[in-house]
C-alpha atoms as a PDB file:
ATOM      1  CA  MET A   1      36.622 -49.410 -15.175  1.00  0.00           C
ATOM      2  CA  LYS A   2      34.420 -49.158 -12.088  1.00  0.00           C
ATOM      3  CA  ASN A   3      31.993 -51.741 -13.512  1.00  0.00           C
ATOM      4  CA  ALA A   4      34.830 -54.174 -14.215  1.00  0.00           C
ATOM      5  CA  ILE A   5      36.089 -53.874 -10.638  1.00  0.00           C
ATOM      6  CA  LEU A   6      32.583 -54.429  -9.250  1.00  0.00           C
ATOM      7  CA  PHE A   7      32.094 -57.446 -11.537  1.00  0.00           C
ATOM      8  CA  LEU A   8      35.405 -58.935 -10.380  1.00  0.00           C
ATOM      9  CA  PHE A   9      34.396 -58.342  -6.753  1.00  0.00           C
ATOM     10  CA  VAL A  10      31.094 -60.196  -7.294  1.00  0.00           C
ATOM     11  CA  ILE A  11      32.911 -63.119  -8.897  1.00  0.00           C
ATOM     12  CA  LEU A  12      35.340 -63.244  -5.966  1.00  0.00           C
ATOM     13  CA  LEU A  13      32.428 -63.247  -3.509  1.00  0.00           C
ATOM     14  CA  ALA A  14      31.025 -66.316  -5.250  1.00  0.00           C
ATOM     15  CA  VAL A  15      34.293 -68.234  -5.781  1.00  0.00           C
ATOM     16  CA  VAL A  16      36.270 -67.618  -2.572  1.00  0.00           C
ATOM     17  CA  PRO A  17      33.807 -69.395  -0.205  1.00  0.00           C
ATOM     18  CA  LEU A  18      33.754 -72.426  -2.519  1.00  0.00           C
ATOM     19  CA  TYR A  19      37.552 -72.500  -2.523  1.00  0.00           C
ATOM     20  CA  LEU A  20      37.924 -72.044   1.246  1.00  0.00           C
ATOM     21  CA  HIS A  21      35.347 -74.712   2.163  1.00  0.00           C
ATOM     22  CA  LYS A  22      36.057 -77.424  -0.409  1.00  0.00           C
ATOM     23  CA  ASP A  23      34.340 -80.380   1.293  1.00  0.00           C
ATOM     24  CA  SER A  24      31.343 -78.487   2.653  1.00  0.00           C
ATOM     25  CA  GLU A  25      27.757 -79.370   1.956  1.00  0.00           C
ATOM     26  CA  PHE A  26      25.815 -76.293   0.937  1.00  0.00           C
ATOM     27  CA  GLU A  27      22.309 -77.101   2.136  1.00  0.00           C
ATOM     28  CA  GLY A  28      19.354 -74.792   2.205  1.00  0.00           C
ATOM     29  CA  ALA A  29      18.417 -72.821   5.291  1.00  0.00           C
ATOM     30  CA  ASP A  30      15.053 -74.591   5.546  1.00  0.00           C
ATOM     31  CA  GLY A  31      16.634 -77.969   6.272  1.00  0.00           C
ATOM     32  CA  LYS A  32      19.014 -76.533   8.846  1.00  0.00           C
ATOM     33  CA  ALA A  33      16.196 -74.653  10.597  1.00  0.00           C
ATOM     34  CA  GLU A  34      14.116 -77.819  10.736  1.00  0.00           C
ATOM     35  CA  GLU A  35      17.015 -79.684  12.382  1.00  0.00           C
ATOM     36  CA  VAL A  36      17.527 -76.950  14.992  1.00  0.00           C
ATOM     37  CA  ILE A  37      13.808 -76.807  15.810  1.00  0.00           C
ATOM     38  CA  GLY A  38      13.813 -80.604  16.185  1.00  0.00           C
ATOM     39  CA  GLU A  39      16.675 -80.355  18.679  1.00  0.00           C
ATOM     40  CA  ILE A  40      15.158 -77.496  20.677  1.00  0.00           C
ATOM     41  CA  ALA A  41      11.544 -78.726  20.753  1.00  0.00           C
ATOM     42  CA  PRO A  42      11.238 -82.378  19.672  1.00  0.00           C
ATOM     43  CA  ASP A  43       7.429 -82.369  20.146  1.00  0.00           C
ATOM     44  CA  TYR A  44       6.879 -79.334  17.905  1.00  0.00           C
ATOM     45  CA  GLN A  45       4.084 -79.719  15.348  1.00  0.00           C
ATOM     46  CA  PRO A  46       3.988 -77.350  12.334  1.00  0.00           C
ATOM     47  CA  TRP A  47       0.927 -75.124  12.112  1.00  0.00           C
ATOM     48  CA  PHE A  48       0.231 -76.125   8.509  1.00  0.00           C
ATOM     49  CA  ASP A  49       1.689 -78.167   5.675  1.00  0.00           C
ATOM     50  CA  ALA A  50       2.814 -77.053   2.232  1.00  0.00           C
ATOM     51  CA  LEU A  51       0.059 -76.755  -0.343  1.00  0.00           C
ATOM     52  CA  TRP A  52       2.203 -78.422  -3.004  1.00  0.00           C
ATOM     53  CA  GLU A  53       5.445 -80.379  -2.863  1.00  0.00           C
ATOM     54  CA  PRO A  54       7.608 -80.318  -6.011  1.00  0.00           C
ATOM     55  CA  PRO A  55       8.133 -83.831  -7.450  1.00  0.00           C
ATOM     56  CA  GLY A  56      11.927 -83.670  -7.132  1.00  0.00           C
ATOM     57  CA  GLY A  57      14.945 -81.599  -6.234  1.00  0.00           C
ATOM     58  CA  GLU A  58      15.456 -80.602  -9.860  1.00  0.00           C
ATOM     59  CA  THR A  59      11.981 -79.077 -10.051  1.00  0.00           C
ATOM     60  CA  GLU A  60      12.587 -77.154  -6.845  1.00  0.00           C
ATOM     61  CA  SER A  61      15.891 -75.834  -8.218  1.00  0.00           C
ATOM     62  CA  LEU A  62      14.204 -74.901 -11.500  1.00  0.00           C
ATOM     63  CA  LEU A  63      11.479 -72.945  -9.715  1.00  0.00           C
ATOM     64  CA  PHE A  64      14.025 -71.174  -7.517  1.00  0.00           C
ATOM     65  CA  SER A  65      16.114 -70.255 -10.585  1.00  0.00           C
ATOM     66  CA  LEU A  66      13.024 -69.017 -12.394  1.00  0.00           C
ATOM     67  CA  GLN A  67      12.078 -66.876  -9.400  1.00  0.00           C
ATOM     68  CA  SER A  68      15.609 -65.438  -9.294  1.00  0.00           C
ATOM     69  CA  ALA A  69      15.570 -64.677 -13.015  1.00  0.00           C
ATOM     70  CA  ILE A  70      12.208 -62.914 -12.834  1.00  0.00           C
ATOM     71  CA  GLY A  71      13.421 -60.834  -9.882  1.00  0.00           C
ATOM     72  CA  ALA A  72      16.617 -59.903 -11.727  1.00  0.00           C
ATOM     73  CA  ILE A  73      14.619 -58.885 -14.810  1.00  0.00           C
ATOM     74  CA  VAL A  74      12.298 -56.675 -12.740  1.00  0.00           C
ATOM     75  CA  ILE A  75      15.191 -55.027 -10.890  1.00  0.00           C
ATOM     76  CA  GLY A  76      17.099 -54.513 -14.164  1.00  0.00           C
ATOM     77  CA  TYR A  77      14.055 -52.979 -15.816  1.00  0.00           C
ATOM     78  CA  VAL A  78      13.413 -50.592 -12.915  1.00  0.00           C
ATOM     79  CA  LEU A  79      17.059 -49.504 -12.763  1.00  0.00           C
ATOM     80  CA  GLY A  80      17.275 -49.122 -16.552  1.00  0.00           C
ATOM     81  CA  PHE A  81      14.037 -47.181 -16.733  1.00  0.00           C
ATOM     82  CA  GLY A  82      15.148 -44.846 -13.953  1.00  0.00           C
ATOM     83  CA  ARG A  83      18.510 -44.291 -15.594  1.00  0.00           C
ATOM     84  CA  ALA A  84      16.924 -43.606 -19.002  1.00  0.00           C
ATOM     85  CA  ARG A  85      14.392 -41.231 -17.488  1.00  0.00           C
ATOM     86  CA  LYS A  86      17.171 -39.329 -15.720  1.00  0.00           C
ATOM     87  CA  LYS A  87      19.257 -39.200 -18.908  1.00  0.00           C
ATOM     88  CA  TYR A  88      16.459 -38.009 -21.168  1.00  0.00           C
ATOM     89  CA  SER A  89      14.717 -35.715 -18.674  1.00  0.00           C
ATOM     90  CA  ASN A  90      17.752 -33.438 -18.781  1.00  0.00           C
ATOM     91  CA  ARG A  91      17.195 -33.007 -22.513  1.00  0.00           C
ATOM     92  CA  GLY A  92      13.484 -32.223 -22.142  1.00  0.00           C
ATOM     93  CA  ASP A  93      12.268 -35.268 -24.133  1.00  0.00           C
ATOM     94  CA  ILE A  94      10.487 -36.999 -21.233  1.00  0.00           C
ATOM     95  CA  LYS A  95       8.471 -35.126 -18.645  1.00  0.00           C
END
């Protein structure tokens, strides 16, 4: 029951902002930061440029999604391994 409540809470956290701000543009933080820096210091020159620019927005989204998925897999594995070790260490199977 606790997991179902937590899952519902996560869904609400994702859906409520979209419902409250219907006509909002959800841009990335990088673009907003670049705009603010341009307003504060118009003559600012970046220290270095990106090594590689993705060919399009879809590729950038794909790479971000892939990075998120890999992170979720690693976190899930670590949590699952820790839980299994705790469960089976009480029985004396794993030392």
